[in-house]
Amino acid sequence: MPLLVVFLAILAGVATARSATAAELLMLERPGCPWCKRFNEEIGPAYAKTDEGRRAPLRRVDVTRPWPADLAAIARERLTPTFVLVEKGVEVGRLRGYPGDEFFWVLLADMLAKLPQTTTSGVSETQGQPR
């Protein structure tokens, strides 16, 4: 019985950690996409280890497959890759295409600046332009 309690506590912690990450970066991709491949080579291996990747984890969505139900409010895209910054189910920003590693980080920073920032009091404020 104590083992079950420990397991449930760990499971609850994992679920809480995931829900605490309100933002995610969708990567809309398709099989055989050469620019998706280039992103995967240049950015993919490091993304999750960066501050940007921790703030908005990458979620890959294959546009040739059925659209995920939890993304119903997000417009589909034919051009791949397309990166969509989403917070709590709402689109914050969109980057069509992959402009190369140097420009990607700059454009991603512009999108991330639109996300609310947590102050030292724990209250969220919106930074940058109003959404």
Protein backbone atom coordinates (compact mmCIF):
# COMPACT_ATOMS: atom_id res chain seq x y z
CA MET A 1 0.00 0.00 0.00
CA PRO A 2 2.75 2.57 0.81
CA LEU A 3 4.31 1.86 -2.59
CA LEU A 4 1.00 2.74 -4.25
CA VAL A 5 0.89 6.05 -2.35
CA VAL A 6 4.44 6.90 -3.47
CA PHE A 7 3.59 6.01 -7.07
CA LEU A 8 0.45 8.17 -7.04
CA ALA A 9 2.39 11.09 -5.52
CA ILE A 10 5.01 10.84 -8.27
CA LEU A 11 2.32 10.60 -10.94
CA ALA A 12 0.55 13.68 -9.54
CA GLY A 13 3.84 15.60 -9.55
CA VAL A 14 4.46 14.75 -13.20
CA ALA A 15 0.93 15.80 -14.16
CA THR A 16 1.29 19.07 -12.26
CA ALA A 17 4.65 19.82 -13.88
CA ARG A 18 3.14 19.31 -17.35
CA SER A 19 0.10 21.49 -16.66
CA ALA A 20 2.34 24.20 -15.19
CA THR A 21 3.94 24.50 -18.61
CA ALA A 22 1.21 26.62 -20.12
CA ALA A 23 3.04 27.37 -23.36
CA GLU A 24 4.21 25.02 -26.09
CA LEU A 25 5.78 25.49 -29.49
CA LEU A 26 4.01 23.44 -32.13
CA MET A 27 6.10 22.34 -35.07
CA LEU A 28 3.78 21.54 -37.95
CA GLU A 29 5.68 19.13 -40.18
CA ARG A 30 5.23 16.47 -42.84
CA PRO A 31 7.27 13.44 -43.90
CA GLY A 32 9.95 14.29 -46.45
CA CYS A 33 10.00 18.02 -45.68
CA PRO A 34 13.59 19.18 -46.37
CA TRP A 35 13.31 22.30 -44.20
CA CYS A 36 11.93 20.21 -41.33
CA LYS A 37 14.98 17.98 -41.71
CA ARG A 38 17.26 21.00 -41.59
CA PHE A 39 15.55 22.26 -38.42
CA ASN A 40 15.91 18.80 -36.89
CA GLU A 41 19.65 18.84 -37.61
CA GLU A 42 20.38 22.44 -36.58
CA ILE A 43 17.97 23.13 -33.72
CA GLY A 44 16.24 19.89 -32.77
CA PRO A 45 18.94 18.26 -30.61
CA ALA A 46 19.49 21.36 -28.46
CA TYR A 47 16.02 22.92 -28.28
CA ALA A 48 14.76 21.13 -25.15
CA LYS A 49 17.96 22.08 -23.30
CA THR A 50 17.56 25.82 -23.91
CA ASP A 51 15.65 28.38 -21.84
CA GLU A 52 13.29 28.76 -24.81
CA GLY A 53 12.71 25.01 -24.93
CA ARG A 54 11.95 24.84 -21.22
CA ARG A 55 9.58 27.78 -21.49
CA ALA A 56 7.76 26.44 -24.56
CA PRO A 57 8.47 22.73 -25.10
CA LEU A 58 8.40 21.55 -28.71
CA ARG A 59 5.38 19.51 -29.78
CA ARG A 60 5.51 17.98 -33.23
CA VAL A 61 2.31 17.74 -35.26
CA ASP A 62 2.26 15.81 -38.55
CA VAL A 63 -0.05 17.78 -40.87
CA THR A 64 -0.74 14.65 -42.95
CA ARG A 65 -2.43 12.97 -39.97
CA PRO A 66 -5.74 13.80 -38.26
CA TRP A 67 -5.61 17.11 -36.45
CA PRO A 68 -5.37 16.72 -32.64
CA ALA A 69 -8.63 17.53 -30.85
CA ASP A 70 -6.91 19.78 -28.32
CA LEU A 71 -5.70 22.00 -31.18
CA ALA A 72 -9.16 22.68 -32.62
CA ALA A 73 -8.74 26.44 -32.06
CA ILE A 74 -5.39 26.50 -33.91
CA ALA A 75 -5.53 27.02 -37.68
CA ARG A 76 -4.02 24.21 -39.74
CA GLU A 77 -1.18 25.01 -42.10
CA ARG A 78 -0.05 23.51 -45.40
CA LEU A 79 3.42 25.07 -45.42
CA THR A 80 5.95 23.09 -43.40
CA PRO A 81 7.57 23.60 -41.14
CA THR A 82 5.39 26.12 -39.39
CA PHE A 83 5.98 26.95 -35.75
CA VAL A 84 2.99 28.04 -33.66
CA LEU A 85 3.45 29.33 -30.13
CA VAL A 86 0.41 28.32 -28.09
CA GLU A 87 -0.50 29.21 -24.53
CA LYS A 88 -3.48 27.59 -22.83
CA GLY A 89 -4.92 26.60 -26.21
CA VAL A 90 -4.63 30.10 -27.71
CA GLU A 91 -2.24 31.00 -30.54
CA VAL A 92 0.29 33.64 -29.49
CA GLY A 93 2.45 33.72 -32.62
CA ARG A 94 3.24 31.89 -35.85
CA LEU A 95 6.42 31.47 -37.89
CA ARG A 96 5.94 30.04 -41.38
CA GLY A 97 8.97 28.22 -42.71
CA TYR A 98 12.39 27.71 -41.21
CA PRO A 99 14.68 30.71 -41.78
CA GLY A 100 17.89 29.03 -40.59
CA ASP A 101 19.32 28.68 -37.12
CA GLU A 102 20.35 32.30 -36.54
CA PHE A 103 17.06 33.89 -37.59
CA PHE A 104 14.98 31.17 -35.91
CA TRP A 105 16.19 32.12 -32.41
CA VAL A 106 15.55 35.84 -33.00
CA LEU A 107 12.03 35.27 -34.35
CA LEU A 108 11.25 32.80 -31.57
CA ALA A 109 12.39 35.37 -28.98
CA ASP A 110 9.94 37.88 -30.50
CA MET A 111 7.09 35.38 -30.10
CA LEU A 112 8.11 34.38 -26.56
CA ALA A 113 8.16 38.06 -25.54
CA LYS A 114 4.38 38.05 -26.01
CA LEU A 115 3.92 35.44 -23.27
CA PRO A 116 3.02 36.56 -19.74
CA GLN A 117 5.99 36.86 -17.40
CA THR A 118 5.74 35.72 -13.78
CA THR A 119 6.75 38.44 -11.34
CA THR A 120 8.45 37.82 -7.99
CA SER A 121 5.02 37.95 -6.34
CA GLY A 122 3.90 35.06 -8.55
CA VAL A 123 1.47 37.25 -10.48
CA SER A 124 1.58 37.07 -14.27
CA GLU A 125 2.05 40.16 -16.38
CA THR A 126 1.91 40.39 -20.14
CA GLN A 127 5.13 41.60 -21.68
CA GLY A 128 5.37 43.20 -25.10
CA GLN A 129 2.36 43.92 -27.25
CA PRO A 130 -1.13 43.13 -25.96
CA ARG A 131 -2.67 40.03 -27.39
